[in-house]
N, C-alpha and C. Protein backbone atom coordinates (compact mmCIF):
# COMPACT_ATOMS: atom_id res chain seq x y z
N MET A 1 0.82 -1.18 0.00
CA MET A 1 0.00 0.00 0.00
C MET A 1 0.87 1.25 0.00
N ARG A 2 1.92 1.18 0.77
CA ARG A 2 2.81 2.32 0.86
C ARG A 2 3.48 2.57 -0.49
N ALA A 3 3.86 1.55 -1.20
CA ALA A 3 4.50 1.69 -2.51
C ALA A 3 3.52 2.30 -3.52
N GLU A 4 2.28 1.89 -3.43
CA GLU A 4 1.27 2.41 -4.33
C GLU A 4 1.04 3.90 -4.08
N LEU A 5 1.04 4.34 -2.85
CA LEU A 5 0.86 5.75 -2.49
C LEU A 5 2.03 6.58 -2.98
N SER A 6 3.20 6.04 -2.88
CA SER A 6 4.39 6.75 -3.33
C SER A 6 4.41 6.88 -4.85
N ASN A 7 3.92 5.87 -5.60
CA ASN A 7 3.84 5.95 -7.06
C ASN A 7 2.84 7.02 -7.50
N ARG A 8 1.73 7.14 -6.78
CA ARG A 8 0.73 8.16 -7.12
C ARG A 8 1.30 9.56 -6.93
N LYS A 9 2.05 9.76 -5.86
CA LYS A 9 2.65 11.09 -5.62
C LYS A 9 3.64 11.44 -6.73
N ARG A 10 4.42 10.45 -7.17
CA ARG A 10 5.38 10.69 -8.24
C ARG A 10 4.67 11.03 -9.55
N LEU A 11 3.62 10.30 -9.86
CA LEU A 11 2.87 10.57 -11.09
C LEU A 11 2.21 11.95 -11.04
N ALA A 12 1.67 12.34 -9.91
CA ALA A 12 1.03 13.64 -9.77
C ALA A 12 2.05 14.76 -9.87
N ALA A 13 3.23 14.56 -9.36
CA ALA A 13 4.27 15.59 -9.37
C ALA A 13 4.90 15.73 -10.75
N SER A 14 4.94 14.66 -11.56
CA SER A 14 5.63 14.72 -12.84
C SER A 14 4.72 15.22 -13.98
N GLY A 15 3.44 15.32 -13.88
CA GLY A 15 2.55 15.74 -14.95
C GLY A 15 2.16 17.20 -14.82
N PHE A 16 1.38 17.70 -15.83
CA PHE A 16 0.86 19.07 -15.81
C PHE A 16 -0.55 19.06 -15.27
N THR A 17 -0.86 20.13 -14.57
CA THR A 17 -2.25 20.26 -14.10
C THR A 17 -3.06 20.89 -15.23
N LEU A 18 -4.34 20.86 -15.13
CA LEU A 18 -5.22 21.43 -16.13
C LEU A 18 -5.01 22.94 -16.23
N ILE A 19 -4.79 23.61 -15.15
CA ILE A 19 -4.57 25.06 -15.14
C ILE A 19 -3.29 25.40 -15.90
N GLU A 20 -2.23 24.64 -15.70
CA GLU A 20 -0.98 24.90 -16.39
C GLU A 20 -1.14 24.72 -17.90
N VAL A 21 -1.88 23.74 -18.31
CA VAL A 21 -2.13 23.52 -19.74
C VAL A 21 -2.93 24.67 -20.32
N LEU A 22 -3.95 25.14 -19.60
CA LEU A 22 -4.77 26.27 -20.08
C LEU A 22 -3.94 27.55 -20.19
N VAL A 23 -3.10 27.82 -19.23
CA VAL A 23 -2.23 29.02 -19.28
C VAL A 23 -1.30 28.92 -20.48
N ALA A 24 -0.72 27.76 -20.74
CA ALA A 24 0.16 27.58 -21.88
C ALA A 24 -0.59 27.81 -23.19
N LEU A 25 -1.82 27.31 -23.30
CA LEU A 25 -2.62 27.52 -24.51
C LEU A 25 -2.96 28.99 -24.72
N VAL A 26 -3.26 29.73 -23.66
CA VAL A 26 -3.55 31.16 -23.78
C VAL A 26 -2.31 31.92 -24.27
N VAL A 27 -1.14 31.60 -23.74
CA VAL A 27 0.10 32.27 -24.15
C VAL A 27 0.38 31.99 -25.63
N VAL A 28 0.26 30.73 -26.04
CA VAL A 28 0.49 30.38 -27.44
C VAL A 28 -0.54 31.06 -28.34
N GLY A 29 -1.80 31.11 -27.92
CA GLY A 29 -2.86 31.77 -28.70
C GLY A 29 -2.59 33.25 -28.89
N LEU A 30 -2.16 33.94 -27.84
CA LEU A 30 -1.85 35.37 -27.96
C LEU A 30 -0.67 35.60 -28.90
N GLY A 31 0.33 34.73 -28.81
CA GLY A 31 1.48 34.84 -29.72
C GLY A 31 1.07 34.65 -31.16
N MET A 32 0.24 33.67 -31.43
CA MET A 32 -0.22 33.42 -32.79
C MET A 32 -1.09 34.57 -33.31
N LEU A 33 -1.90 35.17 -32.45
CA LEU A 33 -2.71 36.31 -32.84
C LEU A 33 -1.83 37.47 -33.27
N ALA A 34 -0.77 37.73 -32.53
CA ALA A 34 0.17 38.81 -32.90
C ALA A 34 0.84 38.54 -34.23
N VAL A 35 1.23 37.30 -34.47
CA VAL A 35 1.87 36.93 -35.75
C VAL A 35 0.89 37.11 -36.89
N ILE A 36 -0.35 36.68 -36.72
CA ILE A 36 -1.36 36.80 -37.78
C ILE A 36 -1.63 38.27 -38.09
N GLN A 37 -1.72 39.12 -37.07
CA GLN A 37 -1.95 40.55 -37.30
C GLN A 37 -0.78 41.18 -38.04
N THR A 38 0.44 40.80 -37.71
CA THR A 38 1.61 41.35 -38.38
C THR A 38 1.64 40.95 -39.85
N VAL A 39 1.35 39.70 -40.14
CA VAL A 39 1.33 39.23 -41.54
C VAL A 39 0.23 39.95 -42.31
N SER A 40 -0.93 40.12 -41.71
CA SER A 40 -2.04 40.81 -42.36
C SER A 40 -1.68 42.26 -42.66
N GLN A 41 -1.07 42.95 -41.71
CA GLN A 41 -0.69 44.34 -41.90
C GLN A 41 0.37 44.47 -42.99
N THR A 42 1.31 43.55 -43.03
CA THR A 42 2.34 43.58 -44.08
C THR A 42 1.71 43.39 -45.45
N ALA A 43 0.75 42.48 -45.57
CA ALA A 43 0.07 42.26 -46.85
C ALA A 43 -0.70 43.51 -47.27
N ASN A 44 -1.36 44.17 -46.33
CA ASN A 44 -2.10 45.40 -46.65
C ASN A 44 -1.14 46.50 -47.10
N ASN A 45 -0.01 46.66 -46.40
CA ASN A 45 0.97 47.68 -46.78
C ASN A 45 1.54 47.42 -48.16
N THR A 46 1.82 46.18 -48.47
CA THR A 46 2.36 45.82 -49.78
C THR A 46 1.35 46.16 -50.88
N SER A 47 0.10 45.87 -50.65
CA SER A 47 -0.95 46.19 -51.63
C SER A 47 -1.06 47.69 -51.83
N TYR A 48 -1.01 48.46 -50.74
CA TYR A 48 -1.11 49.92 -50.83
C TYR A 48 0.07 50.50 -51.61
N ILE A 49 1.28 50.01 -51.34
CA ILE A 49 2.46 50.52 -52.03
C ILE A 49 2.40 50.17 -53.52
N ARG A 50 1.91 48.99 -53.84
CA ARG A 50 1.76 48.59 -55.25
C ARG A 50 0.80 49.53 -55.96
N GLU A 51 -0.36 49.80 -55.35
CA GLU A 51 -1.33 50.70 -55.97
C GLU A 51 -0.79 52.11 -56.10
N LYS A 52 -0.08 52.57 -55.10
CA LYS A 52 0.50 53.92 -55.14
C LYS A 52 1.54 54.03 -56.25
N THR A 53 2.34 52.98 -56.44
CA THR A 53 3.34 52.97 -57.50
C THR A 53 2.68 53.01 -58.88
N ILE A 54 1.64 52.22 -59.07
CA ILE A 54 0.94 52.21 -60.36
C ILE A 54 0.30 53.56 -60.63
N ALA A 55 -0.30 54.17 -59.61
CA ALA A 55 -0.91 55.50 -59.78
C ALA A 55 0.16 56.53 -60.14
N HIS A 56 1.33 56.43 -59.55
CA HIS A 56 2.42 57.37 -59.86
C HIS A 56 2.87 57.19 -61.32
N TRP A 57 2.94 55.94 -61.79
CA TRP A 57 3.31 55.69 -63.19
C TRP A 57 2.29 56.32 -64.13
N ILE A 58 1.02 56.20 -63.81
CA ILE A 58 -0.03 56.78 -64.66
C ILE A 58 0.12 58.29 -64.72
N ALA A 59 0.37 58.91 -63.56
CA ALA A 59 0.54 60.37 -63.52
C ALA A 59 1.76 60.79 -64.34
N MET A 60 2.87 60.07 -64.20
CA MET A 60 4.07 60.41 -64.96
C MET A 60 3.84 60.20 -66.46
N ASN A 61 3.11 59.15 -66.84
CA ASN A 61 2.80 58.92 -68.25
C ASN A 61 2.00 60.08 -68.83
N GLN A 62 1.00 60.55 -68.09
CA GLN A 62 0.17 61.65 -68.56
C GLN A 62 0.99 62.93 -68.69
N LEU A 63 1.83 63.21 -67.70
CA LEU A 63 2.68 64.40 -67.75
C LEU A 63 3.64 64.32 -68.95
N THR A 64 4.20 63.15 -69.20
CA THR A 64 5.12 62.98 -70.32
C THR A 64 4.41 63.17 -71.65
N LYS A 65 3.18 62.67 -71.78
CA LYS A 65 2.42 62.87 -73.02
C LYS A 65 2.25 64.36 -73.31
N VAL A 66 1.90 65.12 -72.28
CA VAL A 66 1.68 66.56 -72.46
C VAL A 66 2.99 67.25 -72.83
N ARG A 67 4.08 66.86 -72.18
CA ARG A 67 5.38 67.50 -72.46
C ARG A 67 5.88 67.20 -73.87
N LEU A 68 5.49 66.06 -74.43
CA LEU A 68 5.94 65.70 -75.77
C LEU A 68 5.13 66.36 -76.88
N GLU A 69 4.02 66.99 -76.53
CA GLU A 69 3.21 67.68 -77.53
C GLU A 69 3.97 68.89 -78.08
N PRO A 70 3.82 69.19 -79.37
CA PRO A 70 4.54 70.34 -79.92
C PRO A 70 3.98 71.68 -79.48
N ASN A 71 2.71 71.71 -79.07
CA ASN A 71 2.09 72.96 -78.64
C ASN A 71 1.82 72.93 -77.14
N ALA A 72 1.87 74.10 -76.55
CA ALA A 72 1.61 74.22 -75.11
C ALA A 72 0.18 73.79 -74.81
N PRO A 73 -0.04 73.12 -73.67
CA PRO A 73 -1.41 72.71 -73.32
C PRO A 73 -2.25 73.92 -72.94
N ALA A 74 -3.54 73.82 -73.19
CA ALA A 74 -4.46 74.91 -72.84
C ALA A 74 -4.60 74.99 -71.32
N ILE A 75 -4.77 76.20 -70.83
CA ILE A 75 -5.00 76.39 -69.39
C ILE A 75 -6.42 75.92 -69.12
N ASP A 76 -6.50 74.75 -68.48
CA ASP A 76 -7.79 74.08 -68.35
C ASP A 76 -7.65 72.93 -67.35
N LYS A 77 -8.76 72.29 -67.04
CA LYS A 77 -8.77 71.10 -66.21
C LYS A 77 -9.41 69.98 -67.02
N SER A 78 -8.75 68.83 -67.04
CA SER A 78 -9.29 67.70 -67.80
C SER A 78 -9.15 66.43 -66.98
N SER A 79 -9.89 65.40 -67.40
CA SER A 79 -9.90 64.15 -66.66
C SER A 79 -10.26 63.02 -67.62
N ASP A 80 -9.75 61.83 -67.33
CA ASP A 80 -10.07 60.67 -68.16
C ASP A 80 -9.79 59.41 -67.37
N GLU A 81 -10.23 58.28 -67.91
CA GLU A 81 -9.97 56.98 -67.28
C GLU A 81 -8.98 56.21 -68.11
N VAL A 82 -8.19 55.37 -67.43
CA VAL A 82 -7.21 54.52 -68.09
C VAL A 82 -7.17 53.20 -67.33
N GLU A 83 -6.86 52.12 -68.06
CA GLU A 83 -6.75 50.81 -67.42
C GLU A 83 -5.28 50.44 -67.35
N MET A 84 -4.84 50.06 -66.17
CA MET A 84 -3.45 49.62 -65.99
C MET A 84 -3.40 48.59 -64.87
N ALA A 85 -2.65 47.52 -65.09
CA ALA A 85 -2.45 46.46 -64.10
C ALA A 85 -3.79 45.82 -63.70
N GLY A 86 -4.69 45.67 -64.67
CA GLY A 86 -5.96 45.01 -64.41
C GLY A 86 -6.94 45.82 -63.59
N ARG A 87 -6.76 47.14 -63.56
CA ARG A 87 -7.64 47.99 -62.75
C ARG A 87 -7.91 49.29 -63.50
N ASP A 88 -9.08 49.87 -63.27
CA ASP A 88 -9.42 51.17 -63.88
C ASP A 88 -9.00 52.30 -62.95
N TRP A 89 -8.37 53.32 -63.55
CA TRP A 89 -7.87 54.48 -62.81
C TRP A 89 -8.42 55.74 -63.45
N ARG A 90 -8.58 56.79 -62.65
CA ARG A 90 -9.01 58.09 -63.16
C ARG A 90 -7.91 59.10 -62.86
N TRP A 91 -7.44 59.77 -63.92
CA TRP A 91 -6.48 60.85 -63.73
C TRP A 91 -7.17 62.19 -63.97
N THR A 92 -6.71 63.19 -63.25
CA THR A 92 -7.21 64.56 -63.41
C THR A 92 -6.01 65.46 -63.59
N MET A 93 -6.04 66.27 -64.65
CA MET A 93 -4.92 67.16 -64.94
C MET A 93 -5.41 68.60 -64.95
N GLU A 94 -4.66 69.47 -64.28
CA GLU A 94 -4.98 70.89 -64.28
C GLU A 94 -3.75 71.65 -64.76
N VAL A 95 -3.94 72.47 -65.79
CA VAL A 95 -2.86 73.28 -66.35
C VAL A 95 -3.08 74.71 -65.89
N LYS A 96 -2.03 75.30 -65.27
CA LYS A 96 -2.12 76.66 -64.73
C LYS A 96 -1.01 77.52 -65.32
N GLN A 97 -1.28 78.80 -65.42
CA GLN A 97 -0.27 79.76 -65.87
C GLN A 97 0.66 80.10 -64.71
N THR A 98 1.94 80.21 -64.99
CA THR A 98 2.92 80.60 -63.97
C THR A 98 3.24 82.09 -64.14
N PRO A 99 3.98 82.69 -63.21
CA PRO A 99 4.39 84.09 -63.39
C PRO A 99 5.25 84.31 -64.63
N VAL A 100 5.96 83.29 -65.07
CA VAL A 100 6.74 83.37 -66.31
C VAL A 100 5.79 83.02 -67.45
N GLU A 101 5.58 83.97 -68.35
CA GLU A 101 4.55 83.83 -69.37
C GLU A 101 4.73 82.59 -70.24
N SER A 102 5.96 82.20 -70.51
CA SER A 102 6.20 81.09 -71.45
C SER A 102 6.19 79.72 -70.78
N ILE A 103 5.89 79.65 -69.47
CA ILE A 103 5.89 78.37 -68.76
C ILE A 103 4.52 78.13 -68.15
N ARG A 104 4.05 76.90 -68.26
CA ARG A 104 2.79 76.50 -67.63
C ARG A 104 3.04 75.37 -66.64
N ARG A 105 2.31 75.40 -65.55
CA ARG A 105 2.41 74.37 -64.51
C ARG A 105 1.34 73.32 -64.76
N ILE A 106 1.74 72.04 -64.68
CA ILE A 106 0.82 70.94 -64.94
C ILE A 106 0.74 70.09 -63.67
N GLU A 107 -0.45 69.92 -63.14
CA GLU A 107 -0.66 69.12 -61.93
C GLU A 107 -1.55 67.93 -62.30
N VAL A 108 -1.05 66.73 -62.03
CA VAL A 108 -1.79 65.51 -62.36
C VAL A 108 -2.00 64.72 -61.08
N SER A 109 -3.25 64.35 -60.82
CA SER A 109 -3.55 63.47 -59.68
C SER A 109 -4.25 62.22 -60.21
N VAL A 110 -4.00 61.10 -59.53
CA VAL A 110 -4.55 59.81 -59.98
C VAL A 110 -5.17 59.10 -58.79
N ARG A 111 -6.30 58.45 -59.04
CA ARG A 111 -6.99 57.66 -58.01
C ARG A 111 -7.66 56.48 -58.68
N PRO A 112 -7.98 55.42 -57.92
CA PRO A 112 -8.78 54.34 -58.50
C PRO A 112 -10.12 54.90 -58.94
N SER A 113 -10.67 54.39 -60.04
CA SER A 113 -11.91 54.97 -60.57
C SER A 113 -13.08 54.87 -59.60
N GLU A 114 -13.06 53.87 -58.70
CA GLU A 114 -14.17 53.73 -57.76
C GLU A 114 -13.98 54.57 -56.49
N ALA A 115 -12.81 55.20 -56.33
CA ALA A 115 -12.53 56.02 -55.13
C ALA A 115 -13.25 57.36 -55.23
N PRO A 116 -13.48 58.01 -54.08
CA PRO A 116 -14.15 59.32 -54.09
C PRO A 116 -13.36 60.34 -54.92
N GLU A 117 -14.07 61.32 -55.47
CA GLU A 117 -13.46 62.28 -56.40
C GLU A 117 -12.33 63.10 -55.76
N LYS A 118 -12.44 63.44 -54.51
CA LYS A 118 -11.44 64.28 -53.85
C LYS A 118 -10.21 63.49 -53.40
N SER A 119 -10.26 62.16 -53.48
CA SER A 119 -9.11 61.36 -53.03
C SER A 119 -8.05 61.30 -54.12
N SER A 120 -6.82 60.96 -53.73
CA SER A 120 -5.73 60.86 -54.68
C SER A 120 -4.68 59.91 -54.14
N LEU A 121 -4.24 58.96 -54.95
CA LEU A 121 -3.16 58.06 -54.57
C LEU A 121 -1.81 58.60 -55.00
N ALA A 122 -1.79 59.36 -56.11
CA ALA A 122 -0.53 59.94 -56.60
C ALA A 122 -0.81 61.35 -57.09
N TYR A 123 0.18 62.22 -56.88
CA TYR A 123 0.07 63.61 -57.30
C TYR A 123 1.43 64.02 -57.85
N VAL A 124 1.45 64.48 -59.12
CA VAL A 124 2.70 64.85 -59.77
C VAL A 124 2.55 66.25 -60.34
N THR A 125 3.59 67.06 -60.20
CA THR A 125 3.62 68.41 -60.76
C THR A 125 4.77 68.51 -61.74
N GLY A 126 4.52 69.11 -62.89
CA GLY A 126 5.57 69.33 -63.88
C GLY A 126 5.33 70.65 -64.59
N PHE A 127 6.21 70.96 -65.54
CA PHE A 127 6.14 72.23 -66.25
C PHE A 127 6.29 72.01 -67.75
N TYR A 128 5.68 72.91 -68.53
CA TYR A 128 5.80 72.91 -69.97
C TYR A 128 6.03 74.35 -70.38
N GLY A 129 6.96 74.56 -71.28
CA GLY A 129 7.15 75.92 -71.75
C GLY A 129 8.21 76.03 -72.80
N THR A 130 8.17 77.16 -73.51
CA THR A 130 9.18 77.42 -74.52
C THR A 130 10.49 77.85 -73.89
N ALA A 131 10.47 78.26 -72.63
CA ALA A 131 11.69 78.67 -71.96
C ALA A 131 12.43 77.48 -71.36
N VAL A 132 11.88 76.30 -71.51
CA VAL A 132 12.58 75.10 -71.07
C VAL A 132 13.42 74.65 -72.24
N ALA A 133 14.73 74.61 -72.04
CA ALA A 133 15.65 74.36 -73.14
C ALA A 133 15.61 72.92 -73.62
N PRO A 134 15.77 72.73 -74.91
CA PRO A 134 15.91 71.36 -75.42
C PRO A 134 17.28 70.80 -75.02
N PRO A 135 17.48 69.51 -75.11
CA PRO A 135 18.76 68.93 -74.71
C PRO A 135 19.92 69.55 -75.48
N GLY A 136 21.03 69.76 -74.78
CA GLY A 136 22.24 70.30 -75.41
C GLY A 136 22.33 71.80 -75.38
N VAL A 137 21.26 72.50 -75.03
CA VAL A 137 21.29 73.96 -74.99
C VAL A 137 21.70 74.39 -73.59
N THR A 138 22.65 75.30 -73.51
CA THR A 138 23.16 75.68 -72.21
C THR A 138 22.62 77.00 -71.69
N GLN A 139 22.06 77.85 -72.56
CA GLN A 139 21.53 79.12 -72.10
C GLN A 139 20.22 79.40 -72.81
N ILE A 140 19.22 79.84 -72.06
CA ILE A 140 17.91 80.09 -72.63
C ILE A 140 17.41 81.46 -72.22
N SER A 141 16.38 81.93 -72.87
CA SER A 141 15.76 83.19 -72.55
C SER A 141 14.51 82.93 -71.74
N TRP A 142 14.39 83.57 -70.59
CA TRP A 142 13.21 83.38 -69.76
C TRP A 142 12.06 84.27 -70.20
N ARG A 143 12.32 85.15 -71.16
CA ARG A 143 11.27 86.02 -71.66
C ARG A 143 10.50 85.36 -72.80
N GLY A 144 11.05 84.29 -73.35
CA GLY A 144 10.36 83.61 -74.44
C GLY A 144 10.58 84.28 -75.77
N SER A 145 11.44 85.34 -75.83
CA SER A 145 11.70 85.98 -77.12
C SER A 145 13.14 85.71 -77.50
N GLN A 146 13.91 86.76 -77.83
CA GLN A 146 15.28 86.59 -78.26
C GLN A 146 16.22 86.34 -77.10
N GLN A 147 17.31 85.61 -77.38
CA GLN A 147 18.30 85.32 -76.35
C GLN A 147 19.27 86.47 -76.23
N GLN A 148 20.10 86.41 -75.20
CA GLN A 148 21.07 87.46 -74.95
C GLN A 148 22.05 87.60 -76.10
N GLY A 149 22.49 86.54 -76.68
CA GLY A 149 23.48 86.61 -77.75
C GLY A 149 22.84 86.69 -79.12
N GLY A 150 21.56 86.98 -79.22
CA GLY A 150 20.87 86.99 -80.50
C GLY A 150 20.37 85.60 -80.82
N GLY A 151 19.65 85.47 -81.92
CA GLY A 151 19.16 84.16 -82.31
C GLY A 151 17.74 83.94 -81.82
N GLN A 152 17.23 82.78 -82.10
CA GLN A 152 15.86 82.43 -81.74
C GLN A 152 15.81 81.72 -80.40
N PRO A 153 14.65 81.70 -79.72
CA PRO A 153 14.54 80.96 -78.46
C PRO A 153 14.88 79.50 -78.68
N GLY A 154 15.62 78.95 -77.76
CA GLY A 154 16.00 77.55 -77.84
C GLY A 154 17.26 77.32 -78.67
N GLU A 155 17.75 78.37 -79.36
CA GLU A 155 18.97 78.24 -80.15
C GLU A 155 20.17 78.35 -79.23
N ARG A 156 21.20 77.62 -79.51
CA ARG A 156 22.40 77.62 -78.68
C ARG A 156 23.28 78.80 -79.03
N ARG A 157 23.79 79.49 -78.01
CA ARG A 157 24.73 80.59 -78.22
C ARG A 157 26.08 80.00 -78.60
N ARG A 158 26.81 80.69 -79.44
CA ARG A 158 28.11 80.23 -79.89
C ARG A 158 29.16 81.26 -79.50
N ASP A 159 29.41 81.38 -78.21
CA ASP A 159 30.50 82.25 -77.79
C ASP A 159 31.30 81.58 -76.69
N SER A 160 32.29 82.29 -76.19
CA SER A 160 33.22 81.68 -75.24
C SER A 160 32.54 81.31 -73.92
N GLU A 161 31.42 81.96 -73.59
CA GLU A 161 30.75 81.65 -72.33
C GLU A 161 30.09 80.27 -72.37
N THR A 162 29.58 79.88 -73.53
CA THR A 162 28.84 78.63 -73.59
C THR A 162 29.61 77.48 -74.20
N GLU A 163 30.69 77.78 -74.93
CA GLU A 163 31.48 76.72 -75.54
C GLU A 163 32.28 75.99 -74.47
N PRO A 164 32.39 74.69 -74.57
CA PRO A 164 33.21 73.96 -73.60
C PRO A 164 34.69 74.28 -73.84
N PRO A 165 35.51 74.15 -72.80
CA PRO A 165 36.93 74.42 -72.99
C PRO A 165 37.51 73.41 -73.97
N PRO A 166 38.53 73.84 -74.72
CA PRO A 166 39.11 72.92 -75.70
C PRO A 166 39.69 71.70 -75.00
N GLN A 167 39.57 70.55 -75.63
CA GLN A 167 40.09 69.33 -75.03
C GLN A 167 41.59 69.22 -75.31
N GLN A 168 42.32 68.72 -74.32
CA GLN A 168 43.74 68.48 -74.47
C GLN A 168 43.94 67.26 -75.35
N PRO A 169 44.96 67.30 -76.21
CA PRO A 169 45.19 66.11 -77.04
C PRO A 169 45.57 64.92 -76.17
N GLN A 170 45.03 63.79 -76.50
CA GLN A 170 45.31 62.57 -75.76
C GLN A 170 46.56 61.91 -76.32
N PRO A 171 47.47 61.41 -75.44
CA PRO A 171 48.67 60.76 -75.96
C PRO A 171 48.32 59.43 -76.62
N GLU A 172 49.11 59.08 -77.61
CA GLU A 172 48.94 57.80 -78.28
C GLU A 172 49.30 56.69 -77.32
N PRO A 173 48.71 55.49 -77.50
CA PRO A 173 49.09 54.37 -76.63
C PRO A 173 50.58 54.09 -76.75
N GLY A 174 51.23 53.93 -75.62
CA GLY A 174 52.66 53.65 -75.57
C GLY A 174 53.52 54.90 -75.42
N GLU A 175 52.94 56.11 -75.67
CA GLU A 175 53.71 57.35 -75.50
C GLU A 175 53.83 57.67 -74.03
N PRO A 176 54.98 58.23 -73.58
CA PRO A 176 55.08 58.63 -72.18
C PRO A 176 54.20 59.86 -71.93
N VAL A 177 53.61 59.93 -70.76
CA VAL A 177 52.75 61.04 -70.38
C VAL A 177 53.58 61.99 -69.53
N ASN A 178 53.72 63.26 -69.97
CA ASN A 178 54.46 64.28 -69.22
C ASN A 178 53.45 65.20 -68.56
N PRO A 179 53.36 65.15 -67.24
CA PRO A 179 52.39 66.04 -66.58
C PRO A 179 52.82 67.49 -66.69
N GLU A 180 51.84 68.38 -66.71
CA GLU A 180 52.11 69.82 -66.75
C GLU A 180 52.69 70.24 -65.41
N PRO A 181 53.62 71.20 -65.38
CA PRO A 181 54.15 71.66 -64.11
C PRO A 181 53.07 72.36 -63.30
N ASP A 182 53.08 72.15 -61.98
CA ASP A 182 52.09 72.74 -61.09
C ASP A 182 52.53 74.10 -60.56
N GLN A 183 53.80 74.43 -60.68
CA GLN A 183 54.33 75.67 -60.11
C GLN A 183 54.08 76.84 -61.06
N PRO A 184 53.83 78.06 -60.50
CA PRO A 184 53.72 79.24 -61.36
C PRO A 184 55.05 79.48 -62.05
N GLY A 185 55.00 80.07 -63.20
CA GLY A 185 56.21 80.35 -63.94
C GLY A 185 56.62 79.21 -64.85
N GLY A 186 55.90 78.11 -64.85
CA GLY A 186 56.16 77.01 -65.75
C GLY A 186 57.34 76.15 -65.39
N GLU A 187 57.88 76.27 -64.17
CA GLU A 187 59.03 75.46 -63.80
C GLU A 187 58.56 74.11 -63.26
N ASP A 188 59.32 73.11 -63.57
CA ASP A 188 59.04 71.76 -63.09
C ASP A 188 59.57 71.65 -61.67
N PRO A 189 58.74 71.24 -60.66
CA PRO A 189 59.21 71.19 -59.28
C PRO A 189 60.30 70.17 -59.04
N SER A 190 60.49 69.22 -59.95
CA SER A 190 61.51 68.20 -59.72
C SER A 190 62.88 68.67 -60.11
N SER A 191 63.04 69.81 -60.82
CA SER A 191 64.36 70.27 -61.23
C SER A 191 64.99 71.22 -60.25
């Protein structure tokens, strides 16, 4: 009888009670809830960033279309729908006059087509004007008429201010390179 009583005490001491099991389950449940919420929030953030990126691309595409036109856009507000990435989007563009007569400000906002009208996922601002120089032009007229050195707007000036400095001749392969002296007076510091 004594041996049987001692075995029962050992078995009772070596196992878990019901309360300990319940506490362990509550702790594991709370941990899993936190993990599930974190994964859900990350998925939502990823979806939002994807939509915001697509909306920004649409806005930049619209701005680029306007900038590539040969004529300045009319000062007006316009809107249209476009489909991209399997979804319908609505862009709204407003062209405004700037203090510089030859430049116009272009504001483009984009939202999902089902979103409220005042909402916006992307907003881009750009400019269009004759005072914006074409590539390779180093000096322009902000008045939209003649340039300082004469010529037409957008034409490159051909004087010493805008010409690049002459390039030094490059030595042929295998020729020794003689550095220019750094000292005033043209003396070589090594002599």
